Amino acid sequence: MADSEPIKESYKIIERSSLPGRKYHRDERKPTFDINYNGKIKELVFPHTYYEKMEFYSNVELEVRKGYFGFDILENKTLN
């Protein structure tokens, strides 16, 4: 029901923060990155393996395609 070709776009990271890990793994913090996506601030959460180097990333590259009702479907996200 989605478009066949995803569109790749790069977004600048506005703010960085983190979330605690799950129960008994609180030290495995998950980095979160805020981006300006089509005029709205969106928060993206990445796995805890990216936490140590979260200050080095400046952009998030998203692969997005249009869904059936016009909603955006996030296919893939990578940090640059």
C-alpha atoms as a PDB file:
ATOM      1  CA  MET A   1       0.000   0.000   0.000  1.00  0.00           C
ATOM      2  CA  ALA A   2       3.044   2.285   0.128  1.00  0.00           C
ATOM      3  CA  ASP A   3       4.957   3.910  -2.729  1.00  0.00           C
ATOM      4  CA  SER A   4       7.547   1.622  -4.274  1.00  0.00           C
ATOM      5  CA  GLU A   5      10.534   4.007  -4.073  1.00  0.00           C
ATOM      6  CA  PRO A   6      11.733   5.338  -0.719  1.00  0.00           C
ATOM      7  CA  ILE A   7      13.071   8.893  -0.601  1.00  0.00           C
ATOM      8  CA  LYS A   8      16.382   9.522   1.187  1.00  0.00           C
ATOM      9  CA  GLU A   9      16.624  12.786   3.096  1.00  0.00           C
ATOM     10  CA  SER A  10      19.155  14.104   5.575  1.00  0.00           C
ATOM     11  CA  TYR A  11      18.140  16.072   8.690  1.00  0.00           C
ATOM     12  CA  LYS A  12      20.324  18.066  11.057  1.00  0.00           C
ATOM     13  CA  ILE A  13      20.304  16.968  14.706  1.00  0.00           C
ATOM     14  CA  ILE A  14      18.867  19.746  16.883  1.00  0.00           C
ATOM     15  CA  GLU A  15      19.209  18.187  20.329  1.00  0.00           C
ATOM     16  CA  ARG A  16      20.653  15.050  21.940  1.00  0.00           C
ATOM     17  CA  SER A  17      19.528  13.192  25.045  1.00  0.00           C
ATOM     18  CA  SER A  18      19.204   9.598  26.250  1.00  0.00           C
ATOM     19  CA  LEU A  19      16.794   7.146  27.827  1.00  0.00           C
ATOM     20  CA  PRO A  20      17.647   4.558  30.479  1.00  0.00           C
ATOM     21  CA  GLY A  21      17.827   0.920  29.460  1.00  0.00           C
ATOM     22  CA  ARG A  22      15.316  -1.769  30.357  1.00  0.00           C
ATOM     23  CA  LYS A  23      15.011  -3.397  33.769  1.00  0.00           C
ATOM     24  CA  TYR A  24      18.340  -4.765  35.089  1.00  0.00           C
ATOM     25  CA  HIS A  25      20.125  -3.008  32.196  1.00  0.00           C
ATOM     26  CA  ARG A  26      19.707   0.620  33.255  1.00  0.00           C
ATOM     27  CA  ASP A  27      23.313   1.425  32.369  1.00  0.00           C
ATOM     28  CA  GLU A  28      22.642   0.620  28.684  1.00  0.00           C
ATOM     29  CA  ARG A  29      21.359   4.096  27.832  1.00  0.00           C
ATOM     30  CA  LYS A  30      19.651   4.626  24.468  1.00  0.00           C
ATOM     31  CA  PRO A  31      20.572   7.857  22.668  1.00  0.00           C
ATOM     32  CA  THR A  32      17.758  10.037  21.352  1.00  0.00           C
ATOM     33  CA  PHE A  33      18.090  12.690  18.669  1.00  0.00           C
ATOM     34  CA  ASP A  34      15.629  15.489  17.927  1.00  0.00           C
ATOM     35  CA  ILE A  35      15.240  16.599  14.296  1.00  0.00           C
ATOM     36  CA  ASN A  36      13.035  19.111  12.491  1.00  0.00           C
ATOM     37  CA  TYR A  37      10.881  16.893  10.265  1.00  0.00           C
ATOM     38  CA  ASN A  38       8.539  18.882   7.996  1.00  0.00           C
ATOM     39  CA  GLY A  39       8.221  21.714  10.519  1.00  0.00           C
ATOM     40  CA  LYS A  40       7.717  19.476  13.574  1.00  0.00           C
ATOM     41  CA  ILE A  41      10.253  18.334  16.161  1.00  0.00           C
ATOM     42  CA  LYS A  42      10.548  14.528  16.104  1.00  0.00           C
ATOM     43  CA  GLU A  43      12.538  12.359  18.515  1.00  0.00           C
ATOM     44  CA  LEU A  44      14.340   9.311  17.132  1.00  0.00           C
ATOM     45  CA  VAL A  45      15.596   6.591  19.483  1.00  0.00           C
ATOM     46  CA  PHE A  46      18.633   4.486  18.552  1.00  0.00           C
ATOM     47  CA  PRO A  47      20.105   1.314  20.158  1.00  0.00           C
ATOM     48  CA  HIS A  48      22.456   1.623  23.148  1.00  0.00           C
ATOM     49  CA  THR A  49      25.481   0.787  20.975  1.00  0.00           C
ATOM     50  CA  TYR A  50      25.373   4.356  19.581  1.00  0.00           C
ATOM     51  CA  TYR A  51      25.469   6.004  23.027  1.00  0.00           C
ATOM     52  CA  GLU A  52      29.260   6.280  23.410  1.00  0.00           C
ATOM     53  CA  LYS A  53      29.692   8.229  20.154  1.00  0.00           C
ATOM     54  CA  MET A  54      26.443  10.206  20.193  1.00  0.00           C
ATOM     55  CA  GLU A  55      28.257  13.574  20.302  1.00  0.00           C
ATOM     56  CA  PHE A  56      30.089  12.868  17.035  1.00  0.00           C
ATOM     57  CA  TYR A  57      26.928  12.542  14.917  1.00  0.00           C
ATOM     58  CA  SER A  58      25.561  15.670  13.248  1.00  0.00           C
ATOM     59  CA  ASN A  59      22.920  14.361  10.790  1.00  0.00           C
ATOM     60  CA  VAL A  60      20.290  11.648  10.554  1.00  0.00           C
ATOM     61  CA  GLU A  61      19.553  10.146   7.147  1.00  0.00           C
ATOM     62  CA  LEU A  62      16.024   8.783   6.749  1.00  0.00           C
ATOM     63  CA  GLU A  63      14.487   6.608   4.058  1.00  0.00           C
ATOM     64  CA  VAL A  64      10.821   7.541   3.896  1.00  0.00           C
ATOM     65  CA  ARG A  65       7.978   6.483   1.663  1.00  0.00           C
ATOM     66  CA  LYS A  66       4.382   7.634   1.479  1.00  0.00           C
ATOM     67  CA  GLY A  67       1.799   5.341   3.012  1.00  0.00           C
ATOM     68  CA  TYR A  68      -1.735   4.564   1.907  1.00  0.00           C
ATOM     69  CA  PHE A  69      -3.460   7.451   3.735  1.00  0.00           C
ATOM     70  CA  GLY A  70      -0.660   9.955   3.058  1.00  0.00           C
ATOM     71  CA  PHE A  71       1.288   9.195   6.223  1.00  0.00           C
ATOM     72  CA  ASP A  72       5.066   8.898   6.026  1.00  0.00           C
ATOM     73  CA  ILE A  73       6.507   5.420   6.636  1.00  0.00           C
ATOM     74  CA  LEU A  74      10.023   5.347   8.058  1.00  0.00           C
ATOM     75  CA  GLU A  75      11.934   2.565   6.300  1.00  0.00           C
ATOM     76  CA  ASN A  76      15.470   3.087   7.571  1.00  0.00           C
ATOM     77  CA  LYS A  77      17.441   5.542   9.710  1.00  0.00           C
ATOM     78  CA  THR A  78      21.205   6.023   9.868  1.00  0.00           C
ATOM     79  CA  LEU A  79      23.468   8.420  11.736  1.00  0.00           C
ATOM     80  CA  ASN A  80      26.115  10.480   9.973  1.00  0.00           C
END
